[in-house]
Amino acid sequence: MGWVNKMITIDMNKAKIIAHDARRASRNAAFAPLDIKATIPAESAAAEEARAVIRDADAALQVRMDAASTADELKALMPNLAK
């Protein structure tokens, strides 16, 4: 009966660290094909423009993750990592 009226609490700091790690992994995966194109002179400008779009979206997601105050808010941002 030790569990009566006990709530599971989520450590939001640790949850945010996990979410940011997933965000970084997603960003790095998106950068991978562009890293190769950036070394090809004819494709480097377009690759850098695409990288800038990814960086801007990642920065916005980082701000939203930092602002999340509940696990549900943080979890709602996670599908964005697949894009």
Protein backbone atom coordinates (compact mmCIF):
# COMPACT_ATOMS: atom_id res chain seq x y z
CA MET A 1 0.00 0.00 0.00
CA GLY A 2 3.01 2.27 -0.24
CA TRP A 3 1.84 3.53 -3.64
CA VAL A 4 -1.45 5.02 -2.52
CA ASN A 5 -1.64 8.69 -3.50
CA LYS A 6 1.91 8.64 -4.89
CA MET A 7 2.59 10.50 -8.12
CA ILE A 8 5.36 9.79 -10.54
CA THR A 9 7.30 12.97 -11.12
CA ILE A 10 9.30 13.71 -14.23
CA ASP A 11 12.60 15.48 -13.89
CA MET A 12 12.11 18.16 -16.55
CA ASN A 13 15.81 19.05 -16.64
CA LYS A 14 16.71 15.46 -17.51
CA ALA A 15 13.78 15.23 -19.94
CA LYS A 16 15.00 18.35 -21.73
CA ILE A 17 18.53 16.94 -21.95
CA ILE A 18 17.12 13.80 -23.59
CA ALA A 19 14.95 15.87 -25.95
CA HIS A 20 17.87 18.10 -26.92
CA ASP A 21 20.05 15.06 -27.57
CA ALA A 22 17.34 13.72 -29.91
CA ARG A 23 17.06 17.16 -31.55
CA ARG A 24 20.80 17.29 -32.16
CA ALA A 25 20.83 13.76 -33.60
CA SER A 26 18.01 14.69 -35.96
CA ARG A 27 19.80 17.87 -37.03
CA ASN A 28 23.05 15.99 -37.63
CA ALA A 29 21.25 13.39 -39.75
CA ALA A 30 19.71 16.18 -41.83
CA PHE A 31 23.13 17.80 -42.26
CA ALA A 32 24.90 14.60 -43.36
CA PRO A 33 24.00 14.65 -47.08
CA LEU A 34 24.59 18.39 -47.21
CA ASP A 35 28.07 18.03 -45.72
CA ILE A 36 29.08 16.09 -48.81
CA LYS A 37 27.40 18.52 -51.21
CA ALA A 38 29.11 21.44 -49.48
CA THR A 39 32.45 20.07 -50.70
CA ILE A 40 31.33 20.09 -54.34
CA PRO A 41 31.91 23.59 -55.74
CA ALA A 42 28.87 23.51 -58.05
CA GLU A 43 26.58 22.46 -55.18
CA SER A 44 28.12 24.25 -52.21
CA ALA A 45 25.96 27.40 -52.33
CA ALA A 46 22.71 25.42 -52.46
CA ALA A 47 23.96 23.09 -49.72
CA GLU A 48 24.79 26.02 -47.47
CA GLU A 49 21.35 27.56 -48.05
CA ALA A 50 19.72 24.24 -47.11
CA ARG A 51 21.93 24.01 -44.03
CA ALA A 52 20.83 27.53 -43.00
CA VAL A 53 17.17 26.46 -43.21
CA ILE A 54 17.92 23.44 -41.02
CA ARG A 55 19.86 25.58 -38.52
CA ASP A 56 17.02 28.11 -38.28
CA ALA A 57 14.39 25.40 -37.73
CA ASP A 58 16.62 23.70 -35.16
CA ALA A 59 17.19 26.96 -33.28
CA ALA A 60 13.43 27.60 -33.13
CA LEU A 61 12.81 24.06 -31.87
CA GLN A 62 15.52 24.51 -29.23
CA VAL A 63 13.78 27.64 -27.93
CA ARG A 64 10.42 25.85 -27.78
CA MET A 65 11.98 22.89 -25.95
CA ASP A 66 13.65 25.18 -23.44
CA ALA A 67 10.32 26.92 -22.83
CA ALA A 68 8.39 23.68 -22.26
CA SER A 69 7.20 23.49 -18.67
CA THR A 70 5.52 20.08 -18.75
CA ALA A 71 6.41 16.67 -20.08
CA ASP A 72 3.37 16.82 -22.39
CA GLU A 73 4.59 20.08 -23.94
CA LEU A 74 8.02 18.58 -24.48
CA LYS A 75 6.58 15.36 -25.88
CA ALA A 76 4.42 17.33 -28.33
CA LEU A 77 7.61 18.79 -29.83
CA MET A 78 9.20 15.40 -30.42
CA PRO A 79 7.34 14.58 -33.70
CA ASN A 80 9.04 17.67 -35.14
CA LEU A 81 12.32 15.79 -34.96
CA ALA A 82 11.28 13.39 -37.69
CA LYS A 83 10.94 16.20 -40.22
